[in-house]
N, C-alpha and C. Protein backbone atom coordinates (compact mmCIF):
# COMPACT_ATOMS: atom_id res chain seq x y z
N MET A 1 44.20 5.22 22.50
CA MET A 1 42.87 5.55 22.67
C MET A 1 42.29 6.28 21.46
N PHE A 2 43.01 7.23 20.87
CA PHE A 2 42.65 8.02 19.74
C PHE A 2 42.37 6.97 18.46
N TYR A 3 43.30 6.05 18.34
CA TYR A 3 43.31 5.03 17.28
C TYR A 3 41.98 4.32 17.35
N GLN A 4 41.54 3.83 18.61
CA GLN A 4 40.21 3.12 18.74
C GLN A 4 39.02 3.90 18.35
N ILE A 5 39.12 5.13 18.77
CA ILE A 5 37.89 6.04 18.47
C ILE A 5 37.83 6.29 16.92
N LYS A 6 39.00 6.42 16.33
CA LYS A 6 39.07 6.54 14.80
C LYS A 6 38.50 5.22 14.23
N GLN A 7 38.90 4.16 14.68
CA GLN A 7 38.41 2.79 14.04
C GLN A 7 36.91 2.64 14.37
N LEU A 8 36.43 3.17 15.49
CA LEU A 8 34.92 3.07 15.85
C LEU A 8 34.20 3.81 14.74
N PHE A 9 34.72 5.16 14.61
CA PHE A 9 34.06 6.08 13.74
C PHE A 9 34.01 5.45 12.29
N LYS A 10 35.22 4.90 11.85
CA LYS A 10 35.25 4.23 10.50
C LYS A 10 34.23 3.08 10.47
N ALA A 11 34.13 2.26 11.42
CA ALA A 11 33.24 1.15 11.41
C ALA A 11 31.78 1.55 11.47
N LEU A 12 31.36 2.61 12.32
CA LEU A 12 30.09 3.19 12.32
C LEU A 12 29.72 3.81 11.07
N THR A 13 30.64 4.52 10.56
CA THR A 13 30.32 5.19 9.26
C THR A 13 30.00 4.19 7.99
N ILE A 14 30.86 3.15 8.04
CA ILE A 14 30.58 2.27 7.11
C ILE A 14 29.22 1.42 7.24
N LEU A 15 28.99 0.99 8.55
CA LEU A 15 27.69 0.46 8.88
C LEU A 15 26.52 1.38 8.41
N LEU A 16 26.67 2.73 8.81
CA LEU A 16 25.51 3.53 8.39
C LEU A 16 25.18 3.68 6.93
N SER A 17 26.31 3.57 6.14
CA SER A 17 26.14 3.64 4.80
C SER A 17 25.32 2.40 4.28
N GLY A 18 25.66 1.39 4.83
CA GLY A 18 24.86 0.07 4.46
C GLY A 18 23.41 0.26 4.93
N ILE A 19 23.20 0.74 6.13
CA ILE A 19 21.80 0.94 6.61
C ILE A 19 20.98 1.91 5.76
N ASP A 20 21.71 3.00 5.47
CA ASP A 20 21.06 4.15 4.58
C ASP A 20 20.74 3.44 3.24
N LEU A 21 21.69 2.66 2.65
CA LEU A 21 21.19 2.06 1.45
C LEU A 21 20.20 1.22 1.44
N PHE A 22 20.12 0.40 2.43
CA PHE A 22 18.89 -0.59 2.71
C PHE A 22 17.55 0.17 2.85
N LEU A 23 17.56 1.19 3.57
CA LEU A 23 16.43 2.03 3.80
C LEU A 23 16.04 2.72 2.51
N SER A 24 17.04 3.41 1.96
CA SER A 24 16.75 4.16 0.63
C SER A 24 16.25 3.35 -0.52
N CYS A 25 16.47 2.00 -0.51
CA CYS A 25 15.95 1.09 -1.59
C CYS A 25 14.45 1.01 -1.61
N TRP A 26 13.82 1.29 -0.38
CA TRP A 26 12.42 1.11 -0.28
C TRP A 26 11.70 2.34 -0.84
N THR A 27 12.48 3.25 -1.62
CA THR A 27 11.70 4.25 -2.34
C THR A 27 11.43 3.84 -3.67
N VAL A 28 12.10 2.77 -4.11
CA VAL A 28 11.79 2.27 -5.47
C VAL A 28 11.43 0.81 -5.46
N VAL A 29 11.73 -0.15 -4.36
CA VAL A 29 11.44 -1.46 -4.43
C VAL A 29 10.10 -1.64 -3.80
N PRO A 30 9.22 -2.43 -4.45
CA PRO A 30 7.98 -2.79 -3.83
C PRO A 30 8.09 -3.65 -2.56
N ALA A 31 7.33 -3.40 -1.52
CA ALA A 31 7.53 -4.20 -0.34
C ALA A 31 7.07 -5.81 -0.63
N PRO A 32 7.79 -6.76 -0.35
CA PRO A 32 7.46 -8.17 -0.65
C PRO A 32 6.50 -8.75 0.49
N THR A 33 6.65 -8.12 1.71
CA THR A 33 5.89 -8.73 2.86
C THR A 33 5.13 -7.49 3.59
N ASP A 34 4.31 -7.96 4.46
CA ASP A 34 3.58 -6.81 5.17
C ASP A 34 4.53 -6.22 6.15
N PHE A 35 5.49 -6.90 6.68
CA PHE A 35 6.46 -6.36 7.66
C PHE A 35 7.21 -5.24 6.99
N LEU A 36 7.59 -5.57 5.76
CA LEU A 36 8.38 -4.47 5.06
C LEU A 36 7.61 -3.36 4.36
N LEU A 37 6.24 -3.57 4.34
CA LEU A 37 5.44 -2.54 3.95
C LEU A 37 5.50 -1.30 4.71
N ILE A 38 5.80 -1.43 5.90
CA ILE A 38 6.00 -0.20 6.71
C ILE A 38 7.24 0.61 6.24
N LEU A 39 8.30 -0.05 5.66
CA LEU A 39 9.46 0.63 5.04
C LEU A 39 8.95 1.41 3.71
N GLY A 40 8.15 0.61 2.97
CA GLY A 40 7.70 1.02 1.69
C GLY A 40 6.84 2.18 1.72
N VAL A 41 6.15 2.50 2.87
CA VAL A 41 5.36 3.71 3.17
C VAL A 41 6.11 4.80 3.73
N ALA A 42 6.93 4.48 4.76
CA ALA A 42 7.57 5.45 5.48
C ALA A 42 8.92 6.05 4.78
N VAL A 43 9.55 5.32 4.07
CA VAL A 43 10.93 5.77 3.52
C VAL A 43 10.57 6.81 2.56
N PRO A 44 9.61 6.77 1.49
CA PRO A 44 9.56 7.84 0.64
C PRO A 44 9.05 9.20 1.38
N GLU A 45 8.39 9.07 2.45
CA GLU A 45 8.01 10.15 3.38
C GLU A 45 9.16 10.78 3.94
N LEU A 46 10.07 9.99 4.43
CA LEU A 46 11.19 10.41 5.06
C LEU A 46 12.47 10.59 4.17
N SER A 47 12.38 10.51 2.88
CA SER A 47 13.51 10.57 2.07
C SER A 47 14.32 11.86 2.13
N PRO A 48 13.79 13.00 2.46
CA PRO A 48 14.73 14.17 2.80
C PRO A 48 15.48 13.98 4.01
N TRP A 49 15.04 13.30 4.93
CA TRP A 49 15.84 13.05 6.15
C TRP A 49 16.92 12.14 5.79
N LEU A 50 16.57 11.05 5.07
CA LEU A 50 17.56 9.97 4.61
C LEU A 50 18.49 10.67 3.73
N LEU A 51 18.16 11.46 2.87
CA LEU A 51 19.18 12.14 2.08
C LEU A 51 20.20 13.00 2.79
N VAL A 52 19.71 13.72 3.80
CA VAL A 52 20.77 14.35 4.74
C VAL A 52 21.69 13.48 5.28
N ILE A 53 21.11 12.29 5.87
CA ILE A 53 21.98 11.16 6.47
C ILE A 53 22.98 10.75 5.38
N ASN A 54 22.47 10.49 4.26
CA ASN A 54 23.40 9.86 3.20
C ASN A 54 24.42 10.85 2.87
N VAL A 55 24.12 12.07 2.63
CA VAL A 55 25.11 13.06 2.37
C VAL A 55 26.15 13.22 3.49
N LEU A 56 25.76 13.30 4.70
CA LEU A 56 26.55 13.41 5.92
C LEU A 56 27.54 12.15 5.98
N THR A 57 26.92 10.92 5.73
CA THR A 57 27.70 9.75 5.60
C THR A 57 28.78 9.70 4.58
N THR A 58 28.53 10.26 3.34
CA THR A 58 29.35 10.40 2.31
C THR A 58 30.52 11.40 2.64
N LEU A 59 30.22 12.50 3.23
CA LEU A 59 31.16 13.49 3.75
C LEU A 59 32.08 12.76 4.77
N ALA A 60 31.49 12.04 5.78
CA ALA A 60 32.36 11.32 6.79
C ALA A 60 33.31 10.23 6.10
N LEU A 61 32.69 9.50 5.02
CA LEU A 61 33.66 8.59 4.27
C LEU A 61 34.75 9.14 3.58
N THR A 62 34.71 10.39 3.17
CA THR A 62 35.81 11.04 2.53
C THR A 62 37.02 11.38 3.57
N LYS A 63 36.66 11.20 4.82
CA LYS A 63 37.70 11.46 5.92
C LYS A 63 38.47 10.15 6.09
N ILE A 64 37.96 9.01 5.68
CA ILE A 64 38.48 7.74 5.98
C ILE A 64 39.50 7.46 4.96
N ARG A 65 40.62 6.84 5.49
CA ARG A 65 41.57 6.30 4.48
C ARG A 65 41.11 5.39 3.48
N ARG A 66 41.70 5.49 2.27
CA ARG A 66 41.14 4.66 1.16
C ARG A 66 41.37 3.13 1.48
N SER A 67 40.33 2.50 1.23
CA SER A 67 40.22 1.05 1.24
C SER A 67 39.18 0.42 0.43
N GLY A 68 39.13 -0.85 0.22
CA GLY A 68 38.14 -1.48 -0.68
C GLY A 68 36.77 -1.19 0.04
N LEU A 69 36.70 -1.50 1.44
CA LEU A 69 35.47 -1.42 2.28
C LEU A 69 35.04 0.24 2.30
N ARG A 70 35.93 1.04 2.31
CA ARG A 70 35.49 2.47 2.18
C ARG A 70 34.87 2.67 0.94
N GLN A 71 35.45 2.30 -0.28
CA GLN A 71 34.95 2.48 -1.65
C GLN A 71 33.45 1.82 -1.67
N LEU A 72 33.37 0.65 -1.23
CA LEU A 72 32.04 0.07 -1.29
C LEU A 72 31.00 0.81 -0.42
N ALA A 73 31.37 1.35 0.82
CA ALA A 73 30.56 2.19 1.56
C ALA A 73 30.26 3.39 0.92
N LEU A 74 31.12 4.00 0.30
CA LEU A 74 30.95 5.28 -0.60
C LEU A 74 29.90 5.06 -1.70
N VAL A 75 30.03 3.91 -2.34
CA VAL A 75 29.17 3.71 -3.36
C VAL A 75 27.68 3.45 -2.75
N CYS A 76 27.50 2.73 -1.73
CA CYS A 76 26.20 2.59 -1.03
C CYS A 76 25.75 3.95 -0.54
N ALA A 77 26.46 4.84 0.02
CA ALA A 77 25.99 6.27 0.46
C ALA A 77 25.59 6.87 -0.80
N LEU A 78 26.33 6.97 -1.75
CA LEU A 78 25.84 7.72 -3.04
C LEU A 78 24.72 7.21 -3.80
N THR A 79 24.71 5.86 -3.81
CA THR A 79 23.47 5.24 -4.35
C THR A 79 22.23 5.68 -3.50
N GLY A 80 22.29 5.54 -2.26
CA GLY A 80 21.31 5.85 -1.26
C GLY A 80 20.87 7.32 -1.38
N SER A 81 21.83 8.36 -1.75
CA SER A 81 21.36 9.62 -1.96
C SER A 81 20.59 9.81 -3.20
N VAL A 82 21.06 9.09 -4.33
CA VAL A 82 20.32 9.16 -5.52
C VAL A 82 18.98 8.75 -5.44
N LEU A 83 18.67 7.51 -4.63
CA LEU A 83 17.35 7.00 -4.48
C LEU A 83 16.48 7.88 -3.49
N CYS A 84 17.12 8.55 -2.70
CA CYS A 84 16.42 9.43 -1.74
C CYS A 84 15.87 10.73 -2.50
N VAL A 85 16.61 11.04 -3.56
CA VAL A 85 16.17 12.24 -4.40
C VAL A 85 15.00 11.90 -5.35
N LEU A 86 14.81 10.71 -5.66
CA LEU A 86 13.72 10.42 -6.60
C LEU A 86 12.33 10.85 -6.20
N PRO A 87 11.83 10.55 -4.99
CA PRO A 87 10.62 11.18 -4.61
C PRO A 87 10.50 12.59 -4.68
N LEU A 88 11.60 13.29 -4.50
CA LEU A 88 11.55 14.86 -4.52
C LEU A 88 11.60 15.18 -5.96
N LEU A 89 12.22 14.53 -6.89
CA LEU A 89 12.06 14.76 -8.26
C LEU A 89 10.79 14.57 -8.86
N GLN A 90 10.03 13.62 -8.26
CA GLN A 90 8.67 13.22 -8.79
C GLN A 90 7.60 14.24 -8.29
N LEU A 91 7.95 15.03 -7.35
CA LEU A 91 6.84 15.92 -6.76
C LEU A 91 6.22 16.85 -7.70
N PRO A 92 7.04 17.64 -8.62
CA PRO A 92 6.29 18.48 -9.48
C PRO A 92 5.26 17.86 -10.40
N ALA A 93 5.47 16.70 -10.95
CA ALA A 93 4.56 15.97 -11.79
C ALA A 93 3.39 15.51 -10.86
N THR A 94 3.58 15.03 -9.75
CA THR A 94 2.65 14.56 -8.89
C THR A 94 1.56 15.69 -8.48
N GLU A 95 2.25 16.91 -8.31
CA GLU A 95 1.33 18.01 -7.89
C GLU A 95 0.69 18.46 -9.01
N GLN A 96 1.20 18.36 -10.32
CA GLN A 96 0.41 18.69 -11.46
C GLN A 96 -0.74 17.84 -11.67
N ARG A 97 -0.52 16.47 -11.54
CA ARG A 97 -1.53 15.49 -11.76
C ARG A 97 -2.80 15.75 -10.84
N MET A 98 -2.35 16.04 -9.51
CA MET A 98 -3.31 16.26 -8.38
C MET A 98 -4.10 17.57 -8.82
N ALA A 99 -3.58 18.54 -9.37
CA ALA A 99 -4.32 19.74 -9.63
C ALA A 99 -5.22 19.34 -10.90
N VAL A 100 -4.87 18.71 -11.79
CA VAL A 100 -5.74 18.35 -12.78
C VAL A 100 -6.78 17.51 -12.28
N ALA A 101 -6.52 16.53 -11.55
CA ALA A 101 -7.71 15.64 -11.09
C ALA A 101 -8.67 16.41 -10.07
N MET A 102 -8.08 17.37 -9.39
CA MET A 102 -9.13 18.15 -8.59
C MET A 102 -10.01 19.00 -9.38
N GLN A 103 -9.56 19.57 -10.52
CA GLN A 103 -10.28 20.29 -11.40
C GLN A 103 -11.29 19.44 -12.14
N GLU A 104 -10.78 18.18 -12.64
CA GLU A 104 -11.69 17.39 -13.31
C GLU A 104 -13.03 16.94 -12.41
N ALA A 105 -12.60 16.63 -11.18
CA ALA A 105 -13.63 16.20 -10.30
C ALA A 105 -14.49 17.37 -9.64
N LEU A 106 -13.94 18.44 -9.39
CA LEU A 106 -14.73 19.52 -8.78
C LEU A 106 -15.00 20.61 -9.60
N GLY A 107 -14.39 20.82 -10.75
CA GLY A 107 -14.71 21.83 -11.72
C GLY A 107 -13.39 22.78 -11.66
N ARG A 108 -13.28 23.64 -12.68
CA ARG A 108 -12.18 24.42 -12.92
C ARG A 108 -12.20 25.53 -11.75
N ASP A 109 -13.29 26.06 -11.35
CA ASP A 109 -13.33 27.10 -10.53
C ASP A 109 -13.60 26.56 -9.00
N TYR A 110 -13.31 25.33 -8.70
CA TYR A 110 -13.63 24.79 -7.43
C TYR A 110 -13.12 25.60 -6.21
N ILE A 111 -11.94 26.30 -6.37
CA ILE A 111 -11.39 27.11 -5.30
C ILE A 111 -12.21 28.34 -5.07
N ASP A 112 -12.77 28.92 -6.12
CA ASP A 112 -13.54 30.09 -6.06
C ASP A 112 -14.82 29.82 -5.30
N GLN A 113 -15.36 28.46 -5.25
CA GLN A 113 -16.50 28.18 -4.53
C GLN A 113 -16.31 28.02 -2.95
N ILE A 114 -15.19 27.83 -2.55
CA ILE A 114 -14.85 28.08 -1.18
C ILE A 114 -14.86 29.62 -0.55
N PRO A 115 -15.60 29.74 0.51
CA PRO A 115 -15.71 30.99 0.97
C PRO A 115 -14.30 31.56 1.42
N SER A 116 -14.13 32.95 1.23
CA SER A 116 -12.76 33.45 1.30
C SER A 116 -12.35 33.42 2.93
N TYR A 117 -13.24 33.45 3.61
CA TYR A 117 -12.81 33.29 5.16
C TYR A 117 -12.21 31.94 5.53
N VAL A 118 -12.63 30.90 4.58
CA VAL A 118 -12.17 29.59 4.88
C VAL A 118 -10.92 29.35 4.05
N ARG A 119 -10.77 29.94 2.87
CA ARG A 119 -9.83 29.51 1.95
C ARG A 119 -8.37 30.04 2.51
N ARG A 120 -7.75 29.24 3.10
CA ARG A 120 -6.41 29.40 3.52
C ARG A 120 -5.47 28.40 2.96
N MET A 121 -5.62 28.15 1.67
CA MET A 121 -4.91 26.93 1.07
C MET A 121 -3.37 27.56 0.84
N ARG A 122 -2.49 26.46 0.89
CA ARG A 122 -0.97 26.79 0.75
C ARG A 122 -0.83 26.89 -0.76
N ALA A 123 0.07 27.79 -1.10
CA ALA A 123 0.50 27.84 -2.52
C ALA A 123 0.87 26.49 -3.11
N ARG A 124 1.55 25.68 -2.43
CA ARG A 124 1.99 24.42 -2.88
C ARG A 124 1.70 23.34 -1.91
N PRO A 125 1.12 22.20 -2.13
CA PRO A 125 0.85 21.22 -1.18
C PRO A 125 2.01 20.60 -0.41
N PHE A 126 3.22 20.45 -1.16
CA PHE A 126 4.36 20.00 -0.44
C PHE A 126 5.56 21.03 -0.54
N VAL A 127 6.09 21.12 0.69
CA VAL A 127 7.25 22.06 0.73
C VAL A 127 8.21 21.28 1.36
N VAL A 128 9.54 21.22 0.74
CA VAL A 128 10.53 20.35 1.46
C VAL A 128 10.88 20.81 2.89
N ALA A 129 10.87 22.01 3.00
CA ALA A 129 11.27 22.61 4.40
C ALA A 129 10.32 22.10 5.50
N ASP A 130 9.04 21.91 5.08
CA ASP A 130 8.00 21.31 6.13
C ASP A 130 8.44 20.02 6.65
N VAL A 131 9.13 19.26 5.75
CA VAL A 131 9.61 18.02 6.29
C VAL A 131 10.36 18.00 7.48
N PHE A 132 11.28 19.13 7.61
CA PHE A 132 12.16 19.29 8.73
C PHE A 132 11.50 20.21 9.83
N THR A 133 10.68 21.17 9.42
CA THR A 133 10.09 22.11 10.59
C THR A 133 8.72 21.70 10.96
N GLY A 134 7.95 20.93 10.08
CA GLY A 134 6.55 20.65 10.42
C GLY A 134 5.65 21.69 9.78
N ILE A 135 4.36 21.39 9.92
CA ILE A 135 3.39 22.42 9.32
C ILE A 135 2.64 22.72 10.59
N PRO A 136 2.67 24.03 10.94
CA PRO A 136 1.87 24.51 12.27
C PRO A 136 0.36 24.16 12.01
N PRO A 137 -0.16 23.74 13.05
CA PRO A 137 -1.49 23.36 12.96
C PRO A 137 -2.53 24.50 13.02
N SER A 138 -3.60 24.54 12.29
CA SER A 138 -4.31 25.82 12.21
C SER A 138 -5.50 25.38 13.30
N LYS A 139 -6.21 26.52 13.67
CA LYS A 139 -7.25 26.35 14.63
C LYS A 139 -8.51 25.86 13.96
N CYS A 140 -9.21 24.92 14.56
CA CYS A 140 -10.37 24.29 14.03
C CYS A 140 -11.20 23.63 15.09
N ARG A 141 -12.54 23.24 14.79
CA ARG A 141 -13.31 22.62 15.65
C ARG A 141 -13.00 21.09 15.50
N TYR A 142 -12.61 20.35 16.59
CA TYR A 142 -12.42 18.93 16.54
C TYR A 142 -13.20 18.08 17.36
N LEU A 143 -13.79 17.26 16.71
CA LEU A 143 -14.76 16.12 17.47
C LEU A 143 -14.05 14.79 17.31
N GLU A 144 -13.64 14.14 18.55
CA GLU A 144 -12.94 12.91 18.52
C GLU A 144 -13.69 11.65 18.91
N ASN A 145 -13.29 10.54 18.26
CA ASN A 145 -14.05 9.29 18.61
C ASN A 145 -15.36 9.21 18.51
N ILE A 146 -15.92 9.69 17.27
CA ILE A 146 -17.39 9.53 17.13
C ILE A 146 -17.67 8.13 16.49
N GLN A 147 -18.43 7.37 17.19
CA GLN A 147 -18.74 6.09 16.70
C GLN A 147 -19.68 6.13 15.48
N PHE A 148 -19.44 5.45 14.43
CA PHE A 148 -20.21 5.57 13.26
C PHE A 148 -20.76 4.19 12.70
N ALA A 149 -20.29 3.13 13.38
CA ALA A 149 -20.77 1.93 12.90
C ALA A 149 -20.20 0.75 14.05
N LYS A 150 -20.89 -0.50 14.09
CA LYS A 150 -20.43 -1.46 14.91
C LYS A 150 -20.71 -2.74 14.42
N PRO A 151 -19.88 -3.07 13.25
CA PRO A 151 -20.01 -4.39 12.61
C PRO A 151 -19.32 -5.49 13.47
N ASP A 152 -20.17 -6.66 13.62
CA ASP A 152 -19.74 -7.80 14.35
C ASP A 152 -19.20 -7.34 15.72
N GLU A 153 -20.03 -6.37 16.22
CA GLU A 153 -19.78 -5.73 17.59
C GLU A 153 -18.38 -5.06 17.87
N VAL A 154 -17.84 -4.76 16.72
CA VAL A 154 -16.41 -4.00 16.79
C VAL A 154 -16.84 -2.45 16.51
N PRO A 155 -16.73 -1.65 17.42
CA PRO A 155 -16.90 -0.19 17.21
C PRO A 155 -16.06 0.40 16.31
N LEU A 156 -16.52 1.15 15.47
CA LEU A 156 -15.65 1.96 14.37
C LEU A 156 -15.80 3.41 14.90
N SER A 157 -14.81 4.16 14.92
CA SER A 157 -14.98 5.52 15.07
C SER A 157 -14.21 6.45 14.22
N MET A 158 -14.58 7.68 14.21
CA MET A 158 -13.99 8.68 13.36
C MET A 158 -13.68 9.92 14.12
N ASN A 159 -12.75 10.77 13.64
CA ASN A 159 -12.54 12.06 14.06
C ASN A 159 -13.05 13.15 13.07
N ILE A 160 -13.52 14.26 13.44
CA ILE A 160 -13.90 15.21 12.52
C ILE A 160 -13.32 16.69 12.86
N TYR A 161 -12.72 17.17 11.76
CA TYR A 161 -12.02 18.55 11.84
C TYR A 161 -12.85 19.42 11.04
N GLN A 162 -13.43 20.42 11.66
CA GLN A 162 -14.22 21.46 10.97
C GLN A 162 -13.68 22.87 11.04
N PRO A 163 -13.96 23.79 10.10
CA PRO A 163 -13.46 25.14 10.30
C PRO A 163 -14.18 25.75 11.61
N LEU A 164 -13.57 26.79 12.12
CA LEU A 164 -14.23 27.47 13.27
C LEU A 164 -15.53 28.06 12.94
N GLN A 165 -15.60 28.66 11.58
CA GLN A 165 -16.80 29.30 11.31
C GLN A 165 -17.89 28.19 10.83
N VAL A 166 -19.19 28.19 11.41
CA VAL A 166 -20.05 27.40 11.09
C VAL A 166 -20.68 27.63 9.69
N GLY A 167 -20.76 26.65 8.88
CA GLY A 167 -21.37 26.78 7.54
C GLY A 167 -21.23 25.56 6.75
N LYS A 168 -21.58 25.61 5.41
CA LYS A 168 -21.45 24.56 4.49
C LYS A 168 -20.27 24.61 3.70
N TYR A 169 -19.39 23.41 3.82
CA TYR A 169 -18.07 23.34 3.19
C TYR A 169 -18.00 22.14 2.45
N PRO A 170 -17.00 22.00 1.43
CA PRO A 170 -16.60 20.88 0.86
C PRO A 170 -16.00 19.88 2.01
N ALA A 171 -16.22 18.67 1.88
CA ALA A 171 -15.74 17.67 2.84
C ALA A 171 -14.65 16.75 2.18
N LEU A 172 -13.58 16.38 2.93
CA LEU A 172 -12.59 15.45 2.57
C LEU A 172 -12.60 14.29 3.49
N VAL A 173 -12.89 13.13 3.03
CA VAL A 173 -12.92 11.90 3.87
C VAL A 173 -11.48 11.08 3.70
N VAL A 174 -10.87 10.98 4.72
CA VAL A 174 -9.54 10.19 4.65
C VAL A 174 -9.75 8.96 5.50
N ILE A 175 -9.45 7.97 4.69
CA ILE A 175 -9.53 6.56 5.21
C ILE A 175 -8.13 6.02 5.52
N TYR A 176 -7.76 5.95 6.66
CA TYR A 176 -6.37 5.24 6.94
C TYR A 176 -6.37 3.87 6.41
N GLY A 177 -5.41 3.51 5.53
CA GLY A 177 -5.41 2.20 5.06
C GLY A 177 -4.16 1.36 5.47
N GLY A 178 -3.72 1.69 6.46
CA GLY A 178 -2.42 1.06 7.04
C GLY A 178 -2.77 -0.45 7.32
N ALA A 179 -3.86 -0.80 7.63
CA ALA A 179 -4.15 -2.32 7.96
C ALA A 179 -4.65 -3.07 6.78
N TRP A 180 -4.72 -2.34 5.60
CA TRP A 180 -5.21 -3.03 4.40
C TRP A 180 -4.09 -3.82 3.78
C-alpha cells in the first residue's frame, strides 16, 4: 500500500511539473488562438501563485529517486519557475514607465491636484503580497448597471465608483477588452 501511494505521489508530481511548465510558458508565448488568449492574460497575473507551485513541485521532485523522467520533470519545474519570475522582474520598469506616462499626461504635480481627503494612493501600485492576500476594498459610492447606449437594440451598461465625498475629481474610464 505504501509503495502504491509513493508511486502515485511520483506520478502526480511529474504530471504537475509538466502542467506547471505548460501554464508558465504563457508568460512569454503570445497566444495563437482566442481559446489560449485566456491563458496569455491570466498566467502573468497569476505568476506568483504558479511560482509557489513550481517551487513546491521542485522540492517534491528532490524526494523522488533519480530517474530520467524525474530529471525531465525537474527541468520542467525549474524552467517554469524562471518563466514565472519574469513578470515580477519586469514590475519596477513597468511602474517607472507608468509614473512617467501619468506625469506626461496629467502634469508633474497631478497628485497635488487631488484633494487630500480623497488622496489615499498606495505607495506602490503593485505589491506581491496583495496577490496572495487581496486588496481590501475601500468605501465608495457605487452605481451599478447604468445603461449608456443601445446600439442595434443591444443595451450597453456601466458601473460607476465614486468617492464618498461629493465633489469634482479626476475620472478613470476602464474598458474591459476581454471580448476584443
